[in-house]
Amino acid sequence: QFQPREQTQHPIQLVSIGRLTPKKGFQYAIQAVRNLLTAGLPTYYSILGEGSYRQHLEQLIANLELKEHVSLKGWLPHAESIAALRRSQIFLQPSTRTAEGDMEGIPNALKEAMATGMPVIATRHSGIPELVDDGMSGYLVPEGNAEALTICLQQLLGNPQLWHSLGKTARERVLDRFDVQPVTAQLLELYDSVASN
């Protein structure tokens, strides 16, 4: 399902996938899109998913006058989500710990985006740094920081020659560490070593 994708540069399409909850941090990505537009970088951002935070995000989009640039697509079947990844240039995973302590593990959507060979920007949050090697298989920014996300996006958008190498390394990392076949083989080796002792 997750074959390498052809990289295109224009128009810039950003995408995120996940439940609409505060811990996903989509509000910071929306603010970053506003910053990019203010800086003269035409950008479109799609968020795929549904959840209780939808009304808050809709209000933020309206307040920032972003209805033509940010769209909440709702829940989509898995095949359509993969198609959306292939139409986009950069995947955003702006996860953050909430005031109540709610947080991520390692988001599956981030793994899937990396498996398609697209560049990703995520936060230094929970298990995400185990997946994204900053500067090698993607970029990491601080949690809850729209300005840092904006700067990282500007740097990545200004250097499209990096997209292929980032995406290639990202795909290799997912296949090496998270693909079911090698992971299962490693688990069986572990069982064998324990059993033999």
Protein backbone atom coordinates (compact mmCIF):
# COMPACT_ATOMS: atom_id res chain seq x y z
CA GLN A 1 0.00 0.00 0.00
CA PHE A 2 2.84 2.38 0.79
CA GLN A 3 4.94 2.58 -2.34
CA PRO A 4 7.46 5.41 -2.85
CA ARG A 5 5.80 8.49 -4.25
CA GLU A 6 6.80 11.00 -6.90
CA GLN A 7 7.72 14.33 -5.34
CA THR A 8 6.14 17.48 -6.74
CA GLN A 9 6.63 21.03 -5.52
CA HIS A 10 3.58 23.12 -6.42
CA PRO A 11 1.06 23.88 -5.14
CA ILE A 12 2.23 23.15 -1.63
CA GLN A 13 -0.08 20.63 0.01
CA LEU A 14 0.41 19.81 3.69
CA VAL A 15 -1.48 16.96 5.31
CA SER A 16 -2.16 15.47 8.74
CA ILE A 17 -4.15 12.40 9.72
CA GLY A 18 -5.60 11.72 13.15
CA ARG A 19 -8.47 12.15 15.55
CA LEU A 20 -9.45 15.76 16.18
CA THR A 21 -8.27 15.99 19.78
CA PRO A 22 -6.04 18.54 21.56
CA LYS A 23 -3.07 16.15 21.84
CA LYS A 24 -2.74 16.00 18.05
CA GLY A 25 -1.68 19.66 18.07
CA PHE A 26 -3.42 20.52 14.81
CA GLN A 27 -4.13 24.00 16.16
CA TYR A 28 -0.42 24.80 15.98
CA ALA A 29 -0.16 23.58 12.40
CA ILE A 30 -3.11 25.78 11.45
CA GLN A 31 -1.38 28.78 13.00
CA ALA A 32 1.79 27.89 11.08
CA VAL A 33 -0.17 27.91 7.81
CA ARG A 34 -1.35 31.42 8.64
CA ASN A 35 2.28 32.43 9.19
CA LEU A 36 3.34 30.93 5.86
CA LEU A 37 0.61 32.78 4.01
CA THR A 38 1.59 36.03 5.71
CA ALA A 39 5.16 35.39 4.52
CA GLY A 40 3.92 35.02 0.95
CA LEU A 41 4.05 31.21 0.69
CA PRO A 42 0.76 29.90 -0.77
CA THR A 43 -0.03 26.76 1.21
CA TYR A 44 -2.93 24.36 1.54
CA TYR A 45 -3.44 22.10 4.52
CA SER A 46 -5.77 19.12 4.84
CA ILE A 47 -6.58 17.40 8.12
CA LEU A 48 -8.11 13.94 7.83
CA GLY A 49 -9.99 12.70 10.85
CA GLU A 50 -12.95 13.32 13.11
CA GLY A 51 -13.35 14.08 16.79
CA SER A 52 -14.60 16.25 19.60
CA TYR A 53 -12.13 19.06 18.85
CA ARG A 54 -13.65 19.79 15.42
CA GLN A 55 -15.68 22.82 16.54
CA HIS A 56 -12.63 24.42 18.16
CA LEU A 57 -10.55 23.90 15.00
CA GLU A 58 -13.35 25.21 12.77
CA GLN A 59 -13.53 28.34 14.89
CA LEU A 60 -9.76 28.81 14.71
CA ILE A 61 -9.81 28.43 10.93
CA ALA A 62 -12.58 31.02 10.70
CA ASN A 63 -10.86 33.46 13.07
CA LEU A 64 -7.62 33.25 11.07
CA GLU A 65 -9.53 33.57 7.77
CA LEU A 66 -8.12 30.30 6.46
CA LYS A 67 -11.22 28.62 5.03
CA GLU A 68 -9.72 28.66 1.53
CA HIS A 69 -6.43 27.16 2.73
CA VAL A 70 -7.25 24.74 5.56
CA SER A 71 -9.83 21.98 5.26
CA LEU A 72 -11.11 19.45 7.77
CA LYS A 73 -11.85 16.43 5.61
CA GLY A 74 -13.44 14.29 8.31
CA TRP A 75 -12.97 10.54 8.55
CA LEU A 76 -11.94 8.85 5.30
CA PRO A 77 -11.52 5.18 4.43
CA HIS A 78 -7.92 3.98 4.67
CA ALA A 79 -7.42 3.80 0.90
CA GLU A 80 -8.53 7.43 0.54
CA SER A 81 -6.19 8.49 3.34
CA ILE A 82 -3.27 6.87 1.52
CA ALA A 83 -4.32 8.64 -1.69
CA ALA A 84 -4.31 11.94 0.21
CA LEU A 85 -0.76 11.23 1.37
CA ARG A 86 0.30 10.70 -2.22
CA ARG A 87 -1.24 14.03 -3.28
CA SER A 88 0.62 15.97 -0.61
CA GLN A 89 4.22 17.12 -0.26
CA ILE A 90 4.78 17.29 3.52
CA PHE A 91 3.19 15.43 6.43
CA LEU A 92 2.73 17.23 9.75
CA GLN A 93 2.52 15.49 13.14
CA PRO A 94 2.42 18.41 15.64
CA SER A 95 1.54 16.26 18.67
CA THR A 96 1.59 17.82 22.14
CA ARG A 97 0.97 16.82 25.74
CA THR A 98 -2.29 18.32 27.01
CA ALA A 99 -2.77 20.04 30.36
CA GLU A 100 -4.42 16.82 31.55
CA GLY A 101 -1.35 14.78 30.56
CA ASP A 102 -2.89 13.15 27.49
CA MET A 103 -0.21 12.24 24.95
CA GLU A 104 0.67 10.07 21.94
CA GLY A 105 2.69 6.90 21.56
CA ILE A 106 4.14 6.59 18.06
CA PRO A 107 1.33 7.58 15.66
CA ASN A 108 0.58 5.03 12.94
CA ALA A 109 -0.27 7.80 10.48
CA LEU A 110 3.26 9.14 10.84
CA LYS A 111 4.70 5.69 10.05
CA GLU A 112 2.45 5.41 7.01
CA ALA A 113 3.44 8.85 5.72
CA MET A 114 7.12 7.99 6.09
CA ALA A 115 6.53 4.67 4.31
CA THR A 116 5.36 6.57 1.23
CA GLY A 117 8.69 8.40 1.15
CA MET A 118 7.38 11.87 1.93
CA PRO A 119 9.19 14.34 4.20
CA VAL A 120 7.67 14.75 7.65
CA ILE A 121 7.77 17.37 10.38
CA ALA A 122 6.81 16.23 13.87
CA THR A 123 7.35 17.25 17.47
CA ARG A 124 9.73 16.00 20.14
CA HIS A 125 6.88 14.21 21.83
CA SER A 126 6.60 10.82 23.54
CA GLY A 127 7.89 8.05 21.24
CA ILE A 128 8.08 10.13 18.07
CA PRO A 129 11.89 10.69 18.29
CA GLU A 130 12.27 6.89 18.21
CA LEU A 131 10.82 7.02 14.70
CA VAL A 132 11.97 10.38 13.33
CA ASP A 133 15.71 10.96 13.36
CA ASP A 134 15.90 14.78 13.30
CA GLY A 135 17.52 16.02 10.11
CA MET A 136 17.81 12.53 8.63
CA SER A 137 14.36 10.97 8.26
CA GLY A 138 12.38 14.13 8.98
CA TYR A 139 12.45 17.13 11.28
CA LEU A 140 11.48 17.55 14.92
CA VAL A 141 10.33 20.79 16.55
CA PRO A 142 9.29 21.60 20.13
CA GLU A 143 5.73 20.81 21.19
CA GLY A 144 3.10 23.53 21.12
CA ASN A 145 5.24 25.97 19.16
CA ALA A 146 3.65 27.30 15.96
CA GLU A 147 6.60 29.62 15.34
CA ALA A 148 9.14 26.77 15.39
CA LEU A 149 6.89 24.77 13.09
CA THR A 150 6.67 27.75 10.73
CA ILE A 151 10.46 28.17 10.61
CA CYS A 152 10.97 24.47 9.93
CA LEU A 153 8.37 24.52 7.15
CA GLN A 154 9.99 27.59 5.59
CA GLN A 155 13.37 25.89 5.59
CA LEU A 156 11.98 22.70 4.07
CA LEU A 157 9.92 24.55 1.47
CA GLY A 158 12.97 26.62 0.56
CA ASN A 159 15.07 23.49 -0.03
CA PRO A 160 12.98 21.07 -2.11
CA GLN A 161 16.18 19.27 -3.12
CA LEU A 162 16.14 17.76 0.40
CA TRP A 163 12.71 16.19 0.02
CA HIS A 164 13.86 13.08 -1.83
CA SER A 165 16.69 12.23 0.55
CA LEU A 166 14.54 12.84 3.64
CA GLY A 167 11.72 10.74 2.22
CA LYS A 168 14.06 7.93 1.16
CA THR A 169 15.63 7.74 4.62
CA ALA A 170 12.20 7.92 6.26
CA ARG A 171 10.91 5.00 4.20
CA GLU A 172 14.00 2.93 4.95
CA ARG A 173 13.65 3.61 8.67
CA VAL A 174 10.02 2.47 8.76
CA LEU A 175 10.71 -0.66 6.72
CA ASP A 176 13.68 -1.53 8.90
CA ARG A 177 12.10 -0.92 12.31
CA PHE A 178 8.33 -1.16 11.90
CA ASP A 179 7.52 -3.44 8.97
CA VAL A 180 5.72 -6.54 10.25
CA GLN A 181 8.03 -9.11 8.64
CA PRO A 182 11.43 -8.00 10.07
CA VAL A 183 9.87 -7.10 13.41
CA THR A 184 8.25 -10.54 13.64
CA ALA A 185 11.56 -12.18 12.73
CA GLN A 186 13.31 -10.22 15.49
CA LEU A 187 10.63 -11.24 17.98
CA LEU A 188 11.00 -14.90 17.07
CA GLU A 189 14.78 -14.65 17.48
CA LEU A 190 14.23 -13.17 20.92
CA TYR A 191 11.86 -16.00 21.88
CA ASP A 192 14.37 -18.57 20.63
CA SER A 193 17.20 -17.04 22.64
CA VAL A 194 15.10 -16.95 25.80
CA ALA A 195 13.87 -20.51 25.30
CA SER A 196 17.39 -21.84 24.68
CA ASN A 197 18.58 -20.33 27.97
